[in-house]
Amino acid sequence: MIALSRKVLVIAVPVLWVCALASAAGAIWAKHRSREMFIELERLNTARDDLEVEWGQLQLEQSAWSTHAFVENVARARLHMATPAPQDIEIVRP
């Protein structure tokens, strides 16, 4: 009986050591991977924030381009258009 338990110990102790080492290596790998993923998440968050700022700037620019005064200035400068005088305006009714 003692010889059998000694054989089991001879086999079980190295197996337990290998399992403990594998578990430790797995924990270290998981920790390293989680740090890599956190860094990637922070990089993506920064990129998202930069894109939101750019989107806001584009919206402001678009609203500036569509103001009545801007369109009128472009029509006057590039197309040589002018606002007619009040006496030149005719209202046509059906």
N, C-alpha and C. Protein backbone atom coordinates (compact mmCIF):
# COMPACT_ATOMS: atom_id res chain seq x y z
N MET A 1 0.82 -1.18 0.00
CA MET A 1 0.00 0.00 0.00
C MET A 1 0.87 1.26 0.00
N ILE A 2 1.91 1.24 0.79
CA ILE A 2 2.82 2.38 0.86
C ILE A 2 3.55 2.54 -0.46
N ALA A 3 3.88 1.45 -1.10
CA ALA A 3 4.59 1.50 -2.38
C ALA A 3 3.69 2.12 -3.45
N LEU A 4 2.40 1.81 -3.40
CA LEU A 4 1.46 2.37 -4.36
C LEU A 4 1.29 3.88 -4.15
N SER A 5 1.18 4.32 -2.92
CA SER A 5 1.02 5.74 -2.65
C SER A 5 2.30 6.50 -3.02
N ARG A 6 3.47 5.85 -2.86
CA ARG A 6 4.73 6.47 -3.24
C ARG A 6 4.78 6.65 -4.76
N LYS A 7 4.31 5.67 -5.53
CA LYS A 7 4.27 5.77 -6.99
C LYS A 7 3.31 6.88 -7.42
N VAL A 8 2.19 6.99 -6.73
CA VAL A 8 1.22 8.04 -7.04
C VAL A 8 1.84 9.41 -6.77
N LEU A 9 2.57 9.53 -5.66
CA LEU A 9 3.22 10.80 -5.34
C LEU A 9 4.30 11.14 -6.37
N VAL A 10 5.03 10.15 -6.82
CA VAL A 10 6.08 10.38 -7.81
C VAL A 10 5.47 10.92 -9.11
N ILE A 11 4.30 10.46 -9.44
CA ILE A 11 3.63 10.94 -10.66
C ILE A 11 2.85 12.22 -10.40
N ALA A 12 2.16 12.31 -9.26
CA ALA A 12 1.28 13.45 -8.97
C ALA A 12 2.03 14.75 -8.73
N VAL A 13 3.15 14.70 -8.05
CA VAL A 13 3.89 15.93 -7.73
C VAL A 13 4.36 16.65 -9.00
N PRO A 14 5.01 15.96 -9.96
CA PRO A 14 5.40 16.67 -11.19
C PRO A 14 4.21 17.17 -11.99
N VAL A 15 3.13 16.39 -12.00
CA VAL A 15 1.93 16.83 -12.72
C VAL A 15 1.37 18.09 -12.07
N LEU A 16 1.34 18.15 -10.75
CA LEU A 16 0.85 19.34 -10.06
C LEU A 16 1.76 20.54 -10.31
N TRP A 17 3.08 20.31 -10.35
CA TRP A 17 4.01 21.40 -10.65
C TRP A 17 3.77 21.94 -12.06
N VAL A 18 3.59 21.06 -13.01
CA VAL A 18 3.32 21.49 -14.39
C VAL A 18 2.01 22.26 -14.46
N CYS A 19 1.00 21.77 -13.77
CA CYS A 19 -0.29 22.48 -13.75
C CYS A 19 -0.15 23.86 -13.11
N ALA A 20 0.59 23.96 -12.03
CA ALA A 20 0.80 25.26 -11.38
C ALA A 20 1.56 26.22 -12.29
N LEU A 21 2.59 25.73 -12.96
CA LEU A 21 3.34 26.57 -13.88
C LEU A 21 2.48 27.01 -15.08
N ALA A 22 1.69 26.10 -15.59
CA ALA A 22 0.81 26.44 -16.71
C ALA A 22 -0.22 27.47 -16.28
N SER A 23 -0.75 27.32 -15.08
CA SER A 23 -1.72 28.28 -14.57
C SER A 23 -1.09 29.65 -14.39
N ALA A 24 0.13 29.70 -13.87
CA ALA A 24 0.83 30.97 -13.70
C ALA A 24 1.12 31.62 -15.05
N ALA A 25 1.55 30.83 -16.02
CA ALA A 25 1.83 31.36 -17.35
C ALA A 25 0.55 31.89 -17.99
N GLY A 26 -0.54 31.17 -17.80
CA GLY A 26 -1.83 31.63 -18.33
C GLY A 26 -2.28 32.94 -17.69
N ALA A 27 -2.07 33.09 -16.39
CA ALA A 27 -2.45 34.33 -15.70
C ALA A 27 -1.61 35.50 -16.19
N ILE A 28 -0.31 35.26 -16.39
CA ILE A 28 0.57 36.32 -16.88
C ILE A 28 0.17 36.72 -18.30
N TRP A 29 -0.12 35.75 -19.15
CA TRP A 29 -0.53 36.04 -20.52
C TRP A 29 -1.85 36.82 -20.53
N ALA A 30 -2.80 36.41 -19.68
CA ALA A 30 -4.09 37.10 -19.63
C ALA A 30 -3.93 38.55 -19.17
N LYS A 31 -3.08 38.77 -18.19
CA LYS A 31 -2.83 40.13 -17.70
C LYS A 31 -2.18 40.98 -18.80
N HIS A 32 -1.22 40.43 -19.49
CA HIS A 32 -0.55 41.14 -20.58
C HIS A 32 -1.55 41.47 -21.69
N ARG A 33 -2.37 40.52 -22.03
CA ARG A 33 -3.37 40.73 -23.10
C ARG A 33 -4.39 41.78 -22.68
N SER A 34 -4.79 41.77 -21.42
CA SER A 34 -5.76 42.78 -20.97
C SER A 34 -5.14 44.18 -21.01
N ARG A 35 -3.87 44.29 -20.71
CA ARG A 35 -3.21 45.60 -20.81
C ARG A 35 -3.13 46.06 -22.26
N GLU A 36 -2.83 45.14 -23.17
CA GLU A 36 -2.80 45.49 -24.60
C GLU A 36 -4.18 45.95 -25.07
N MET A 37 -5.22 45.24 -24.64
CA MET A 37 -6.57 45.60 -25.04
C MET A 37 -6.97 46.95 -24.45
N PHE A 38 -6.56 47.26 -23.22
CA PHE A 38 -6.87 48.54 -22.61
C PHE A 38 -6.19 49.67 -23.37
N ILE A 39 -4.94 49.47 -23.76
CA ILE A 39 -4.22 50.48 -24.53
C ILE A 39 -4.92 50.71 -25.87
N GLU A 40 -5.34 49.65 -26.51
CA GLU A 40 -6.07 49.76 -27.78
C GLU A 40 -7.39 50.50 -27.59
N LEU A 41 -8.09 50.20 -26.50
CA LEU A 41 -9.35 50.89 -26.21
C LEU A 41 -9.12 52.39 -26.01
N GLU A 42 -8.10 52.76 -25.29
CA GLU A 42 -7.78 54.17 -25.07
C GLU A 42 -7.42 54.86 -26.38
N ARG A 43 -6.69 54.17 -27.25
CA ARG A 43 -6.34 54.73 -28.55
C ARG A 43 -7.60 54.97 -29.39
N LEU A 44 -8.51 53.99 -29.37
CA LEU A 44 -9.76 54.14 -30.12
C LEU A 44 -10.63 55.25 -29.54
N ASN A 45 -10.65 55.39 -28.22
CA ASN A 45 -11.41 56.48 -27.60
C ASN A 45 -10.86 57.84 -28.00
N THR A 46 -9.54 57.95 -28.06
CA THR A 46 -8.92 59.21 -28.48
C THR A 46 -9.26 59.51 -29.93
N ALA A 47 -9.20 58.49 -30.77
CA ALA A 47 -9.56 58.68 -32.19
C ALA A 47 -11.03 59.08 -32.32
N ARG A 48 -11.91 58.46 -31.53
CA ARG A 48 -13.33 58.82 -31.55
C ARG A 48 -13.53 60.27 -31.14
N ASP A 49 -12.84 60.70 -30.08
CA ASP A 49 -12.97 62.08 -29.62
C ASP A 49 -12.48 63.06 -30.69
N ASP A 50 -11.37 62.73 -31.34
CA ASP A 50 -10.85 63.58 -32.41
C ASP A 50 -11.85 63.68 -33.56
N LEU A 51 -12.48 62.56 -33.91
CA LEU A 51 -13.46 62.57 -34.98
C LEU A 51 -14.71 63.36 -34.60
N GLU A 52 -15.11 63.30 -33.34
CA GLU A 52 -16.27 64.09 -32.89
C GLU A 52 -15.97 65.58 -32.98
N VAL A 53 -14.75 65.98 -32.63
CA VAL A 53 -14.36 67.39 -32.74
C VAL A 53 -14.39 67.81 -34.21
N GLU A 54 -13.83 66.97 -35.08
CA GLU A 54 -13.82 67.29 -36.51
C GLU A 54 -15.24 67.38 -37.06
N TRP A 55 -16.12 66.47 -36.61
CA TRP A 55 -17.51 66.49 -37.06
C TRP A 55 -18.19 67.79 -36.64
N GLY A 56 -17.94 68.22 -35.41
CA GLY A 56 -18.52 69.48 -34.95
C GLY A 56 -18.02 70.66 -35.77
N GLN A 57 -16.74 70.65 -36.11
CA GLN A 57 -16.18 71.73 -36.94
C GLN A 57 -16.79 71.72 -38.34
N LEU A 58 -17.00 70.52 -38.89
CA LEU A 58 -17.63 70.44 -40.21
C LEU A 58 -19.07 70.93 -40.18
N GLN A 59 -19.79 70.64 -39.11
CA GLN A 59 -21.16 71.13 -38.99
C GLN A 59 -21.19 72.65 -38.91
N LEU A 60 -20.26 73.23 -38.14
CA LEU A 60 -20.18 74.69 -38.07
C LEU A 60 -19.85 75.29 -39.43
N GLU A 61 -18.91 74.68 -40.12
CA GLU A 61 -18.54 75.18 -41.45
C GLU A 61 -19.71 75.10 -42.41
N GLN A 62 -20.44 73.99 -42.36
CA GLN A 62 -21.58 73.82 -43.25
C GLN A 62 -22.65 74.87 -42.95
N SER A 63 -22.89 75.13 -41.67
CA SER A 63 -23.90 76.13 -41.34
C SER A 63 -23.46 77.52 -41.79
N ALA A 64 -22.15 77.80 -41.75
CA ALA A 64 -21.65 79.10 -42.20
C ALA A 64 -21.80 79.24 -43.72
N TRP A 65 -21.58 78.13 -44.44
CA TRP A 65 -21.69 78.18 -45.90
C TRP A 65 -23.14 78.38 -46.35
N SER A 66 -24.09 78.00 -45.55
CA SER A 66 -25.49 78.07 -45.99
C SER A 66 -26.22 79.30 -45.46
N THR A 67 -25.53 80.23 -44.81
CA THR A 67 -26.22 81.43 -44.34
C THR A 67 -26.60 82.29 -45.53
N HIS A 68 -27.66 83.06 -45.34
CA HIS A 68 -28.19 83.90 -46.42
C HIS A 68 -27.15 84.93 -46.86
N ALA A 69 -26.47 85.52 -45.92
CA ALA A 69 -25.48 86.56 -46.26
C ALA A 69 -24.33 85.98 -47.08
N PHE A 70 -23.88 84.78 -46.73
CA PHE A 70 -22.78 84.16 -47.48
C PHE A 70 -23.21 83.86 -48.91
N VAL A 71 -24.39 83.29 -49.08
CA VAL A 71 -24.89 82.97 -50.42
C VAL A 71 -25.05 84.25 -51.24
N GLU A 72 -25.54 85.29 -50.60
CA GLU A 72 -25.72 86.56 -51.30
C GLU A 72 -24.38 87.16 -51.73
N ASN A 73 -23.38 87.08 -50.86
CA ASN A 73 -22.05 87.59 -51.21
C ASN A 73 -21.42 86.81 -52.35
N VAL A 74 -21.57 85.51 -52.34
CA VAL A 74 -21.02 84.68 -53.42
C VAL A 74 -21.74 84.99 -54.73
N ALA A 75 -23.06 85.16 -54.69
CA ALA A 75 -23.82 85.48 -55.90
C ALA A 75 -23.39 86.83 -56.45
N ARG A 76 -23.14 87.78 -55.57
CA ARG A 76 -22.74 89.11 -56.01
C ARG A 76 -21.32 89.10 -56.58
N ALA A 77 -20.40 88.39 -55.91
CA ALA A 77 -18.99 88.43 -56.31
C ALA A 77 -18.70 87.53 -57.52
N ARG A 78 -19.16 86.32 -57.50
CA ARG A 78 -18.81 85.36 -58.56
C ARG A 78 -19.74 85.42 -59.76
N LEU A 79 -21.03 85.63 -59.50
CA LEU A 79 -22.01 85.59 -60.59
C LEU A 79 -22.43 86.98 -61.04
N HIS A 80 -21.92 88.00 -60.37
CA HIS A 80 -22.24 89.40 -60.70
C HIS A 80 -23.73 89.64 -60.65
N MET A 81 -24.38 89.05 -59.66
CA MET A 81 -25.82 89.24 -59.47
C MET A 81 -26.03 90.39 -58.49
N ALA A 82 -27.18 91.02 -58.58
CA ALA A 82 -27.51 92.12 -57.67
C ALA A 82 -28.96 91.99 -57.25
N THR A 83 -29.25 92.49 -56.08
CA THR A 83 -30.63 92.51 -55.59
C THR A 83 -31.36 93.62 -56.34
N PRO A 84 -32.51 93.31 -56.91
CA PRO A 84 -33.22 94.35 -57.67
C PRO A 84 -33.76 95.44 -56.74
N ALA A 85 -33.87 96.61 -57.29
CA ALA A 85 -34.44 97.73 -56.54
C ALA A 85 -35.94 97.47 -56.35
N PRO A 86 -36.51 98.01 -55.28
CA PRO A 86 -37.94 97.76 -55.03
C PRO A 86 -38.84 98.17 -56.20
N GLN A 87 -38.52 99.26 -56.91
CA GLN A 87 -39.38 99.69 -58.03
C GLN A 87 -39.27 98.76 -59.22
N ASP A 88 -38.22 97.91 -59.27
CA ASP A 88 -38.05 96.97 -60.38
C ASP A 88 -38.73 95.62 -60.12
N ILE A 89 -39.28 95.44 -58.95
CA ILE A 89 -39.91 94.16 -58.60
C ILE A 89 -41.38 94.22 -59.01
N GLU A 90 -41.81 93.20 -59.75
CA GLU A 90 -43.21 93.08 -60.16
C GLU A 90 -43.78 91.81 -59.56
N ILE A 91 -44.94 91.89 -58.99
CA ILE A 91 -45.63 90.73 -58.43
C ILE A 91 -46.63 90.27 -59.47
N VAL A 92 -46.55 89.04 -59.89
CA VAL A 92 -47.44 88.47 -60.90
C VAL A 92 -48.41 87.56 -60.20
N ARG A 93 -49.68 87.81 -60.48
CA ARG A 93 -50.71 86.97 -59.87
C ARG A 93 -51.49 86.28 -61.00
N PRO A 94 -51.93 85.05 -60.73
CA PRO A 94 -52.68 84.33 -61.78
C PRO A 94 -54.07 84.90 -62.01
